[in-house]
Amino acid sequence: MNQSYFKHYLDRQKQAYDAIPIDKVEHIINLIKKCWADDRQLFAFGNGGSASNVSHFITDLGKSASDKMGRRFRCLSLNESVSWITALGNDYAYEDIYMQQLHNYARPGDLVLTLSVSGNSPNVVKAIQWANDNDLTTIALVGGKGGRLADLAHESIIIQDEHYGRVEDAQMTICHMLCYGFIES
């Protein structure tokens, strides 16, 4: 590696950040605000690095944003319980791990947020389709190809890059904007 590699990487990361549609971020924070005001639940999930970002987002929203709001956000990361996920994957199929949890917990009017670089992970796509069919509002943050999620979710933000690291960093930046929109406003 040399410095030109790192400079190029950072230049591409800046391009991904610059392409984040702020109006869509604002719209999503308003959906989250409505979810909170209506005492609805927010469910979030993803795979791999996106799952880690979801866990971080739910921690920030459930703890720090809740502290600022004076009433707790009802939010849950569906990629946290290894025993729940492995039981569902074993007894049904891996593609059912999020959909089956939504089936247990979600109610019409709740909010669902997913992060996916490819936008095509079968378990995430199936959960978003189930949520749509059951009157939940769905949001997807996806990479440059968009995948099925870009069209399937009610609201989507496409990060204009296909590099997993850059997309995941931009997704986490959006998640931080969503949380800090409550914490710092």
N, C-alpha and C. Protein backbone atom coordinates (compact mmCIF):
# COMPACT_ATOMS: atom_id res chain seq x y z
N MET A 1 0.84 -1.18 0.00
CA MET A 1 0.00 0.00 0.00
C MET A 1 0.88 1.24 0.00
N ASN A 2 0.34 2.24 -0.63
CA ASN A 2 1.03 3.52 -0.59
C ASN A 2 0.01 4.62 -0.35
N GLN A 3 0.51 5.81 -0.16
CA GLN A 3 -0.38 6.91 0.20
C GLN A 3 -1.41 7.21 -0.88
N SER A 4 -1.10 6.94 -2.14
CA SER A 4 -2.08 7.22 -3.19
C SER A 4 -3.31 6.32 -3.05
N TYR A 5 -3.11 5.08 -2.58
CA TYR A 5 -4.26 4.20 -2.33
C TYR A 5 -5.18 4.83 -1.28
N PHE A 6 -4.61 5.27 -0.18
CA PHE A 6 -5.41 5.83 0.90
C PHE A 6 -6.10 7.13 0.47
N LYS A 7 -5.40 7.95 -0.28
CA LYS A 7 -6.00 9.19 -0.78
C LYS A 7 -7.17 8.87 -1.69
N HIS A 8 -6.99 7.91 -2.58
CA HIS A 8 -8.07 7.51 -3.49
C HIS A 8 -9.26 6.97 -2.69
N TYR A 9 -8.96 6.15 -1.69
CA TYR A 9 -10.04 5.59 -0.85
C TYR A 9 -10.84 6.71 -0.20
N LEU A 10 -10.14 7.66 0.40
CA LEU A 10 -10.82 8.77 1.08
C LEU A 10 -11.57 9.66 0.09
N ASP A 11 -11.00 9.87 -1.08
CA ASP A 11 -11.71 10.65 -2.09
C ASP A 11 -13.03 9.98 -2.46
N ARG A 12 -13.01 8.67 -2.64
CA ARG A 12 -14.24 7.93 -2.98
C ARG A 12 -15.22 7.96 -1.80
N GLN A 13 -14.70 7.91 -0.56
CA GLN A 13 -15.58 7.98 0.61
C GLN A 13 -16.27 9.34 0.66
N LYS A 14 -15.53 10.40 0.39
CA LYS A 14 -16.11 11.74 0.36
C LYS A 14 -17.20 11.85 -0.70
N GLN A 15 -16.97 11.23 -1.86
CA GLN A 15 -17.99 11.23 -2.92
C GLN A 15 -19.26 10.53 -2.45
N ALA A 16 -19.09 9.41 -1.75
CA ALA A 16 -20.26 8.70 -1.22
C ALA A 16 -21.01 9.57 -0.22
N TYR A 17 -20.29 10.25 0.67
CA TYR A 17 -20.93 11.14 1.64
C TYR A 17 -21.63 12.31 0.95
N ASP A 18 -20.96 12.89 -0.03
CA ASP A 18 -21.54 14.04 -0.73
C ASP A 18 -22.82 13.69 -1.47
N ALA A 19 -22.98 12.42 -1.84
CA ALA A 19 -24.16 11.99 -2.59
C ALA A 19 -25.33 11.58 -1.68
N ILE A 20 -25.16 11.63 -0.37
CA ILE A 20 -26.26 11.28 0.53
C ILE A 20 -27.37 12.31 0.36
N PRO A 21 -28.57 11.87 0.03
CA PRO A 21 -29.68 12.81 -0.18
C PRO A 21 -30.25 13.29 1.16
N ILE A 22 -29.85 14.48 1.55
CA ILE A 22 -30.23 15.03 2.86
C ILE A 22 -31.75 15.12 3.01
N ASP A 23 -32.47 15.43 1.93
CA ASP A 23 -33.93 15.50 2.02
C ASP A 23 -34.53 14.15 2.40
N LYS A 24 -33.95 13.06 1.91
CA LYS A 24 -34.45 11.73 2.28
C LYS A 24 -34.10 11.39 3.73
N VAL A 25 -32.92 11.81 4.17
CA VAL A 25 -32.55 11.60 5.58
C VAL A 25 -33.54 12.34 6.47
N GLU A 26 -33.86 13.58 6.10
CA GLU A 26 -34.83 14.36 6.87
C GLU A 26 -36.21 13.68 6.89
N HIS A 27 -36.62 13.15 5.76
CA HIS A 27 -37.90 12.44 5.69
C HIS A 27 -37.90 11.22 6.62
N ILE A 28 -36.79 10.48 6.63
CA ILE A 28 -36.71 9.29 7.48
C ILE A 28 -36.72 9.67 8.95
N ILE A 29 -36.01 10.75 9.32
CA ILE A 29 -36.04 11.15 10.73
C ILE A 29 -37.46 11.55 11.13
N ASN A 30 -38.21 12.13 10.20
CA ASN A 30 -39.61 12.46 10.50
C ASN A 30 -40.46 11.20 10.67
N LEU A 31 -40.17 10.16 9.92
CA LEU A 31 -40.87 8.88 10.12
C LEU A 31 -40.54 8.29 11.49
N ILE A 32 -39.28 8.40 11.89
CA ILE A 32 -38.88 7.90 13.21
C ILE A 32 -39.54 8.74 14.31
N LYS A 33 -39.60 10.04 14.11
CA LYS A 33 -40.25 10.93 15.08
C LYS A 33 -41.73 10.57 15.23
N LYS A 34 -42.40 10.29 14.11
CA LYS A 34 -43.80 9.88 14.15
C LYS A 34 -43.95 8.53 14.85
N CYS A 35 -43.06 7.62 14.56
CA CYS A 35 -43.06 6.31 15.23
C CYS A 35 -42.99 6.51 16.75
N TRP A 36 -42.08 7.38 17.19
CA TRP A 36 -41.92 7.67 18.62
C TRP A 36 -43.18 8.34 19.17
N ALA A 37 -43.69 9.34 18.47
CA ALA A 37 -44.86 10.09 18.94
C ALA A 37 -46.09 9.20 19.05
N ASP A 38 -46.23 8.25 18.13
CA ASP A 38 -47.37 7.34 18.14
C ASP A 38 -47.15 6.11 19.02
N ASP A 39 -46.02 6.08 19.74
CA ASP A 39 -45.64 4.96 20.60
C ASP A 39 -45.62 3.63 19.85
N ARG A 40 -45.11 3.70 18.62
CA ARG A 40 -44.93 2.50 17.79
C ARG A 40 -43.52 1.96 18.01
N GLN A 41 -43.27 0.78 17.49
CA GLN A 41 -41.94 0.18 17.59
C GLN A 41 -41.17 0.37 16.29
N LEU A 42 -39.85 0.46 16.42
CA LEU A 42 -38.95 0.48 15.28
C LEU A 42 -38.11 -0.79 15.36
N PHE A 43 -38.15 -1.57 14.28
CA PHE A 43 -37.34 -2.78 14.17
C PHE A 43 -36.27 -2.55 13.12
N ALA A 44 -35.06 -3.04 13.38
CA ALA A 44 -33.97 -2.88 12.42
C ALA A 44 -33.17 -4.18 12.34
N PHE A 45 -32.58 -4.41 11.16
CA PHE A 45 -31.79 -5.63 10.97
C PHE A 45 -30.91 -5.50 9.73
N GLY A 46 -29.91 -6.36 9.69
CA GLY A 46 -28.99 -6.45 8.55
C GLY A 46 -28.11 -7.66 8.73
N ASN A 47 -27.21 -7.87 7.81
CA ASN A 47 -26.28 -9.00 7.84
C ASN A 47 -24.84 -8.50 7.88
N GLY A 48 -23.96 -9.25 8.52
CA GLY A 48 -22.53 -8.92 8.53
C GLY A 48 -22.25 -7.54 9.10
N GLY A 49 -21.50 -6.73 8.36
CA GLY A 49 -21.19 -5.37 8.80
C GLY A 49 -22.43 -4.53 8.97
N SER A 50 -23.44 -4.77 8.13
CA SER A 50 -24.70 -4.03 8.27
C SER A 50 -25.38 -4.38 9.59
N ALA A 51 -25.27 -5.64 10.02
CA ALA A 51 -25.83 -6.03 11.32
C ALA A 51 -25.14 -5.29 12.45
N SER A 52 -23.83 -5.15 12.35
CA SER A 52 -23.10 -4.39 13.37
C SER A 52 -23.55 -2.93 13.38
N ASN A 53 -23.74 -2.36 12.21
CA ASN A 53 -24.23 -0.98 12.14
C ASN A 53 -25.62 -0.86 12.73
N VAL A 54 -26.49 -1.84 12.47
CA VAL A 54 -27.83 -1.83 13.05
C VAL A 54 -27.75 -1.86 14.57
N SER A 55 -26.90 -2.72 15.11
CA SER A 55 -26.75 -2.80 16.57
C SER A 55 -26.33 -1.47 17.15
N HIS A 56 -25.37 -0.82 16.51
CA HIS A 56 -24.89 0.49 16.96
C HIS A 56 -26.02 1.52 16.88
N PHE A 57 -26.75 1.53 15.76
CA PHE A 57 -27.86 2.47 15.58
C PHE A 57 -28.92 2.29 16.67
N ILE A 58 -29.33 1.08 16.93
CA ILE A 58 -30.37 0.82 17.94
C ILE A 58 -29.88 1.21 19.33
N THR A 59 -28.60 1.00 19.60
CA THR A 59 -28.05 1.43 20.89
C THR A 59 -28.12 2.95 21.02
N ASP A 60 -27.70 3.66 19.98
CA ASP A 60 -27.74 5.12 20.02
C ASP A 60 -29.17 5.65 20.12
N LEU A 61 -30.08 5.06 19.37
CA LEU A 61 -31.47 5.51 19.39
C LEU A 61 -32.14 5.16 20.72
N GLY A 62 -31.96 3.92 21.15
CA GLY A 62 -32.62 3.45 22.37
C GLY A 62 -32.08 4.04 23.65
N LYS A 63 -30.81 4.42 23.65
CA LYS A 63 -30.21 4.98 24.87
C LYS A 63 -30.06 6.50 24.76
N SER A 64 -29.17 6.94 23.89
CA SER A 64 -28.82 8.36 23.84
C SER A 64 -29.96 9.25 23.34
N ALA A 65 -30.62 8.85 22.24
CA ALA A 65 -31.74 9.66 21.75
C ALA A 65 -32.90 9.62 22.74
N SER A 66 -33.13 8.44 23.35
CA SER A 66 -34.19 8.34 24.35
C SER A 66 -33.92 9.24 25.54
N ASP A 67 -32.66 9.32 25.97
CA ASP A 67 -32.30 10.20 27.08
C ASP A 67 -32.68 11.64 26.76
N LYS A 68 -32.43 12.05 25.54
CA LYS A 68 -32.71 13.43 25.14
C LYS A 68 -34.22 13.69 25.00
N MET A 69 -34.96 12.69 24.53
CA MET A 69 -36.38 12.87 24.24
C MET A 69 -37.26 12.86 25.48
N GLY A 70 -36.77 12.27 26.55
CA GLY A 70 -37.56 12.24 27.78
C GLY A 70 -38.53 11.08 27.85
N ARG A 71 -38.72 10.40 26.76
CA ARG A 71 -39.50 9.16 26.72
C ARG A 71 -38.74 8.21 25.83
N ARG A 72 -38.73 6.95 26.18
CA ARG A 72 -37.90 5.97 25.49
C ARG A 72 -38.41 5.67 24.08
N PHE A 73 -37.47 5.47 23.15
CA PHE A 73 -37.79 4.90 21.85
C PHE A 73 -38.03 3.41 22.04
N ARG A 74 -39.05 2.89 21.44
CA ARG A 74 -39.31 1.46 21.45
C ARG A 74 -38.66 0.89 20.19
N CYS A 75 -37.43 0.42 20.34
CA CYS A 75 -36.66 -0.03 19.18
C CYS A 75 -35.93 -1.33 19.50
N LEU A 76 -35.76 -2.14 18.47
CA LEU A 76 -35.17 -3.46 18.66
C LEU A 76 -34.38 -3.87 17.43
N SER A 77 -33.16 -4.34 17.65
CA SER A 77 -32.35 -4.93 16.59
C SER A 77 -32.69 -6.41 16.53
N LEU A 78 -33.12 -6.88 15.37
CA LEU A 78 -33.49 -8.29 15.22
C LEU A 78 -32.30 -9.19 14.92
N ASN A 79 -31.09 -8.61 14.83
CA ASN A 79 -29.92 -9.45 14.58
C ASN A 79 -29.08 -9.69 15.84
N GLU A 80 -29.67 -9.54 17.01
CA GLU A 80 -28.92 -9.66 18.26
C GLU A 80 -28.95 -11.05 18.90
N SER A 81 -30.06 -11.75 18.86
CA SER A 81 -30.21 -12.99 19.62
C SER A 81 -29.76 -14.20 18.81
N VAL A 82 -28.58 -14.70 19.13
CA VAL A 82 -28.04 -15.86 18.42
C VAL A 82 -28.96 -17.06 18.56
N SER A 83 -29.49 -17.30 19.74
CA SER A 83 -30.35 -18.48 19.93
C SER A 83 -31.65 -18.34 19.13
N TRP A 84 -32.23 -17.17 19.09
CA TRP A 84 -33.46 -16.91 18.33
C TRP A 84 -33.18 -17.08 16.84
N ILE A 85 -32.10 -16.48 16.36
CA ILE A 85 -31.76 -16.55 14.94
C ILE A 85 -31.44 -17.98 14.51
N THR A 86 -30.66 -18.69 15.31
CA THR A 86 -30.29 -20.05 14.91
C THR A 86 -31.47 -21.01 15.01
N ALA A 87 -32.36 -20.80 15.95
CA ALA A 87 -33.56 -21.65 16.03
C ALA A 87 -34.43 -21.44 14.80
N LEU A 88 -34.63 -20.20 14.42
CA LEU A 88 -35.44 -19.91 13.23
C LEU A 88 -34.76 -20.42 11.96
N GLY A 89 -33.46 -20.22 11.87
CA GLY A 89 -32.73 -20.70 10.70
C GLY A 89 -32.75 -22.22 10.59
N ASN A 90 -32.64 -22.89 11.73
CA ASN A 90 -32.64 -24.35 11.74
C ASN A 90 -34.02 -24.93 11.48
N ASP A 91 -35.03 -24.40 12.14
CA ASP A 91 -36.37 -24.99 12.05
C ASP A 91 -37.16 -24.52 10.83
N TYR A 92 -36.83 -23.36 10.30
CA TYR A 92 -37.48 -22.84 9.10
C TYR A 92 -36.44 -22.76 7.99
N ALA A 93 -35.86 -21.59 7.82
CA ALA A 93 -34.79 -21.37 6.85
C ALA A 93 -34.11 -20.07 7.22
N TYR A 94 -32.83 -19.93 6.82
CA TYR A 94 -32.10 -18.71 7.13
C TYR A 94 -32.81 -17.48 6.57
N GLU A 95 -33.45 -17.63 5.45
CA GLU A 95 -34.14 -16.48 4.86
C GLU A 95 -35.35 -16.03 5.68
N ASP A 96 -35.73 -16.81 6.69
CA ASP A 96 -36.88 -16.47 7.54
C ASP A 96 -36.51 -15.82 8.87
N ILE A 97 -35.22 -15.64 9.14
CA ILE A 97 -34.82 -15.22 10.50
C ILE A 97 -35.36 -13.87 10.92
N TYR A 98 -35.51 -12.94 10.01
CA TYR A 98 -36.05 -11.62 10.37
C TYR A 98 -37.56 -11.58 10.20
N MET A 99 -38.05 -12.19 9.17
CA MET A 99 -39.50 -12.20 8.92
C MET A 99 -40.24 -12.87 10.08
N GLN A 100 -39.73 -13.99 10.58
CA GLN A 100 -40.40 -14.69 11.67
C GLN A 100 -40.39 -13.86 12.96
N GLN A 101 -39.31 -13.12 13.21
CA GLN A 101 -39.29 -12.26 14.39
C GLN A 101 -40.31 -11.13 14.25
N LEU A 102 -40.39 -10.55 13.05
CA LEU A 102 -41.41 -9.52 12.82
C LEU A 102 -42.80 -10.10 13.03
N HIS A 103 -42.99 -11.32 12.59
CA HIS A 103 -44.28 -11.99 12.77
C HIS A 103 -44.66 -12.07 14.25
N ASN A 104 -43.67 -12.29 15.11
CA ASN A 104 -43.91 -12.34 16.56
C ASN A 104 -44.18 -10.97 17.17
N TYR A 105 -43.39 -9.98 16.76
CA TYR A 105 -43.37 -8.71 17.48
C TYR A 105 -44.12 -7.55 16.82
N ALA A 106 -44.11 -7.49 15.51
CA ALA A 106 -44.55 -6.28 14.81
C ALA A 106 -46.06 -6.17 14.72
N ARG A 107 -46.51 -4.92 14.67
CA ARG A 107 -47.93 -4.59 14.51
C ARG A 107 -48.08 -3.55 13.40
N PRO A 108 -49.23 -3.52 12.75
CA PRO A 108 -49.44 -2.49 11.73
C PRO A 108 -49.13 -1.10 12.29
N GLY A 109 -48.46 -0.30 11.48
CA GLY A 109 -48.08 1.05 11.90
C GLY A 109 -46.67 1.13 12.44
N ASP A 110 -46.04 -0.02 12.75
CA ASP A 110 -44.65 0.00 13.21
C ASP A 110 -43.72 0.35 12.04
N LEU A 111 -42.46 0.60 12.37
CA LEU A 111 -41.46 1.04 11.40
C LEU A 111 -40.35 0.00 11.32
N VAL A 112 -39.91 -0.29 10.10
CA VAL A 112 -38.84 -1.26 9.87
C VAL A 112 -37.72 -0.58 9.08
N LEU A 113 -36.49 -0.73 9.55
CA LEU A 113 -35.31 -0.19 8.88
C LEU A 113 -34.33 -1.31 8.64
N THR A 114 -33.85 -1.44 7.41
CA THR A 114 -32.83 -2.43 7.12
C THR A 114 -31.65 -1.78 6.43
N LEU A 115 -30.48 -2.34 6.67
CA LEU A 115 -29.25 -1.93 6.00
C LEU A 115 -28.74 -3.12 5.21
N SER A 116 -28.39 -2.89 3.95
CA SER A 116 -27.87 -3.96 3.10
C SER A 116 -27.04 -3.32 2.00
N VAL A 117 -25.83 -3.80 1.82
CA VAL A 117 -25.02 -3.25 0.74
C VAL A 117 -25.54 -3.73 -0.61
N SER A 118 -25.83 -5.02 -0.73
CA SER A 118 -26.28 -5.57 -2.01
C SER A 118 -27.73 -5.23 -2.31
N GLY A 119 -28.55 -5.12 -1.28
CA GLY A 119 -29.98 -4.91 -1.46
C GLY A 119 -30.72 -6.15 -1.90
N ASN A 120 -30.05 -7.29 -1.88
CA ASN A 120 -30.65 -8.52 -2.37
C ASN A 120 -30.61 -9.70 -1.40
N SER A 121 -30.17 -9.51 -0.18
CA SER A 121 -30.09 -10.62 0.77
C SER A 121 -31.49 -11.20 0.98
N PRO A 122 -31.66 -12.50 0.72
CA PRO A 122 -33.00 -13.09 0.79
C PRO A 122 -33.70 -12.91 2.14
N ASN A 123 -32.96 -13.00 3.24
CA ASN A 123 -33.59 -12.86 4.55
C ASN A 123 -34.11 -11.43 4.78
N VAL A 124 -33.40 -10.46 4.28
CA VAL A 124 -33.80 -9.06 4.44
C VAL A 124 -34.95 -8.73 3.48
N VAL A 125 -34.84 -9.19 2.24
CA VAL A 125 -35.90 -8.95 1.26
C VAL A 125 -37.21 -9.57 1.74
N LYS A 126 -37.15 -10.80 2.23
CA LYS A 126 -38.37 -11.48 2.69
C LYS A 126 -39.01 -10.74 3.86
N ALA A 127 -38.20 -10.24 4.78
CA ALA A 127 -38.73 -9.50 5.93
C ALA A 127 -39.38 -8.19 5.50
N ILE A 128 -38.76 -7.49 4.56
CA ILE A 128 -39.34 -6.23 4.09
C ILE A 128 -40.65 -6.50 3.35
N GLN A 129 -40.70 -7.56 2.56
CA GLN A 129 -41.94 -7.90 1.87
C GLN A 129 -43.04 -8.22 2.88
N TRP A 130 -42.70 -8.98 3.92
CA TRP A 130 -43.68 -9.32 4.96
C TRP A 130 -44.17 -8.04 5.64
N ALA A 131 -43.24 -7.15 5.96
CA ALA A 131 -43.61 -5.89 6.62
C ALA A 131 -44.54 -5.07 5.73
N ASN A 132 -44.24 -4.98 4.46
CA ASN A 132 -45.11 -4.26 3.53
C ASN A 132 -46.51 -4.88 3.50
N ASP A 133 -46.56 -6.20 3.46
CA ASP A 133 -47.84 -6.92 3.39
C ASP A 133 -48.66 -6.79 4.66
N ASN A 134 -48.00 -6.39 5.76
CA ASN A 134 -48.68 -6.30 7.05
C ASN A 134 -48.76 -4.88 7.58
N ASP A 135 -48.73 -3.92 6.67
CA ASP A 135 -48.97 -2.51 6.97
C ASP A 135 -47.96 -1.86 7.90
N LEU A 136 -46.70 -2.25 7.76
CA LEU A 136 -45.61 -1.57 8.44
C LEU A 136 -44.96 -0.64 7.42
N THR A 137 -44.32 0.41 7.88
CA THR A 137 -43.58 1.30 7.00
C THR A 137 -42.14 0.81 6.92
N THR A 138 -41.62 0.68 5.69
CA THR A 138 -40.30 0.08 5.50
C THR A 138 -39.31 1.07 4.91
N ILE A 139 -38.07 0.98 5.40
CA ILE A 139 -36.96 1.84 4.99
C ILE A 139 -35.76 0.95 4.71
N ALA A 140 -35.04 1.22 3.63
CA ALA A 140 -33.83 0.48 3.31
C ALA A 140 -32.70 1.44 2.96
N LEU A 141 -31.54 1.22 3.56
CA LEU A 141 -30.31 1.91 3.18
C LEU A 141 -29.48 0.88 2.44
N VAL A 142 -29.21 1.11 1.16
CA VAL A 142 -28.56 0.11 0.32
C VAL A 142 -27.38 0.71 -0.45
N GLY A 143 -26.58 -0.19 -1.02
CA GLY A 143 -25.44 0.22 -1.83
C GLY A 143 -25.84 0.61 -3.23
N GLY A 144 -24.86 0.95 -4.05
CA GLY A 144 -25.05 1.53 -5.37
C GLY A 144 -25.86 0.73 -6.36
N LYS A 145 -25.90 -0.58 -6.21
CA LYS A 145 -26.72 -1.38 -7.13
C LYS A 145 -28.20 -1.34 -6.75
N GLY A 146 -28.49 -0.94 -5.54
CA GLY A 146 -29.88 -0.83 -5.08
C GLY A 146 -30.51 -2.16 -4.75
N GLY A 147 -30.41 -3.10 -5.65
CA GLY A 147 -30.99 -4.42 -5.43
C GLY A 147 -32.51 -4.36 -5.32
N ARG A 148 -33.09 -5.45 -4.93
CA ARG A 148 -34.54 -5.54 -4.80
C ARG A 148 -35.08 -4.60 -3.73
N LEU A 149 -34.29 -4.38 -2.68
CA LEU A 149 -34.76 -3.54 -1.58
C LEU A 149 -35.03 -2.10 -2.00
N ALA A 150 -34.25 -1.59 -2.93
CA ALA A 150 -34.42 -0.19 -3.35
C ALA A 150 -35.82 0.05 -3.89
N ASP A 151 -36.38 -0.94 -4.55
CA ASP A 151 -37.73 -0.81 -5.10
C ASP A 151 -38.80 -1.30 -4.13
N LEU A 152 -38.46 -2.24 -3.29
CA LEU A 152 -39.43 -2.87 -2.40
C LEU A 152 -39.78 -2.01 -1.18
N ALA A 153 -38.79 -1.38 -0.60
CA ALA A 153 -39.02 -0.57 0.60
C ALA A 153 -39.82 0.69 0.25
N HIS A 154 -40.65 1.13 1.18
CA HIS A 154 -41.39 2.37 0.97
C HIS A 154 -40.45 3.56 0.78
N GLU A 155 -39.39 3.57 1.55
CA GLU A 155 -38.38 4.63 1.48
C GLU A 155 -37.02 3.97 1.35
N SER A 156 -36.18 4.49 0.47
CA SER A 156 -34.83 3.93 0.36
C SER A 156 -33.83 5.05 0.08
N ILE A 157 -32.64 4.82 0.58
CA ILE A 157 -31.50 5.67 0.26
C ILE A 157 -30.45 4.77 -0.34
N ILE A 158 -30.02 5.12 -1.54
CA ILE A 158 -28.98 4.37 -2.23
C ILE A 158 -27.66 5.11 -2.07
N ILE A 159 -26.69 4.46 -1.45
CA ILE A 159 -25.35 5.03 -1.32
C ILE A 159 -24.66 4.80 -2.66
N GLN A 160 -24.21 5.86 -3.28
CA GLN A 160 -23.67 5.77 -4.63
C GLN A 160 -22.25 5.22 -4.67
N ASP A 161 -22.12 3.96 -4.26
CA ASP A 161 -20.85 3.24 -4.30
C ASP A 161 -21.19 1.77 -4.15
N GLU A 162 -20.30 0.91 -4.57
CA GLU A 162 -20.53 -0.53 -4.43
C GLU A 162 -19.51 -1.19 -3.52
N HIS A 163 -18.57 -0.43 -3.01
CA HIS A 163 -17.53 -0.94 -2.11
C HIS A 163 -18.16 -1.15 -0.73
N TYR A 164 -18.07 -2.37 -0.22
CA TYR A 164 -18.75 -2.68 1.04
C TYR A 164 -18.33 -1.76 2.18
N GLY A 165 -17.05 -1.50 2.32
CA GLY A 165 -16.59 -0.65 3.41
C GLY A 165 -17.11 0.78 3.30
N ARG A 166 -17.03 1.34 2.11
CA ARG A 166 -17.50 2.72 1.94
C ARG A 166 -19.01 2.82 2.13
N VAL A 167 -19.75 1.85 1.61
CA VAL A 167 -21.21 1.87 1.77
C VAL A 167 -21.57 1.73 3.25
N GLU A 168 -20.95 0.79 3.94
CA GLU A 168 -21.26 0.61 5.36
C GLU A 168 -20.90 1.85 6.17
N ASP A 169 -19.79 2.50 5.84
CA ASP A 169 -19.43 3.75 6.54
C ASP A 169 -20.48 4.83 6.28
N ALA A 170 -20.93 4.95 5.04
CA ALA A 170 -21.95 5.96 4.72
C ALA A 170 -23.28 5.62 5.39
N GLN A 171 -23.63 4.34 5.44
CA GLN A 171 -24.86 3.94 6.14
C GLN A 171 -24.77 4.30 7.62
N MET A 172 -23.62 4.06 8.23
CA MET A 172 -23.48 4.39 9.65
C MET A 172 -23.53 5.89 9.85
N THR A 173 -23.02 6.66 8.92
CA THR A 173 -23.12 8.12 9.01
C THR A 173 -24.58 8.54 8.97
N ILE A 174 -25.37 7.94 8.10
CA ILE A 174 -26.80 8.24 8.05
C ILE A 174 -27.46 7.86 9.37
N CYS A 175 -27.12 6.69 9.89
CA CYS A 175 -27.69 6.27 11.18
C CYS A 175 -27.32 7.25 12.29
N HIS A 176 -26.08 7.73 12.28
CA HIS A 176 -25.69 8.74 13.27
C HIS A 176 -26.48 10.03 13.07
N MET A 177 -26.67 10.46 11.83
CA MET A 177 -27.47 11.66 11.59
C MET A 177 -28.89 11.47 12.12
N LEU A 178 -29.46 10.29 11.91
CA LEU A 178 -30.82 10.02 12.41
C LEU A 178 -30.87 10.13 13.93
N CYS A 179 -29.89 9.55 14.61
CA CYS A 179 -29.88 9.60 16.08
C CYS A 179 -29.53 10.98 16.60
N TYR A 180 -28.48 11.58 16.05
CA TYR A 180 -28.06 12.88 16.55
C TYR A 180 -29.03 13.98 16.16
N GLY A 181 -29.89 13.73 15.19
CA GLY A 181 -30.97 14.66 14.91
C GLY A 181 -31.90 14.82 16.11
N PHE A 182 -32.01 13.78 16.93
CA PHE A 182 -32.76 13.86 18.17
C PHE A 182 -31.89 14.35 19.32
N ILE A 183 -30.66 13.88 19.38
CA ILE A 183 -29.77 14.18 20.51
C ILE A 183 -29.36 15.66 20.51
N GLU A 184 -29.07 16.22 19.34
CA GLU A 184 -28.52 17.57 19.28
C GLU A 184 -29.52 18.63 18.84
N SER A 185 -30.78 18.26 18.65
CA SER A 185 -31.72 19.29 18.20
C SER A 185 -32.55 19.84 19.35
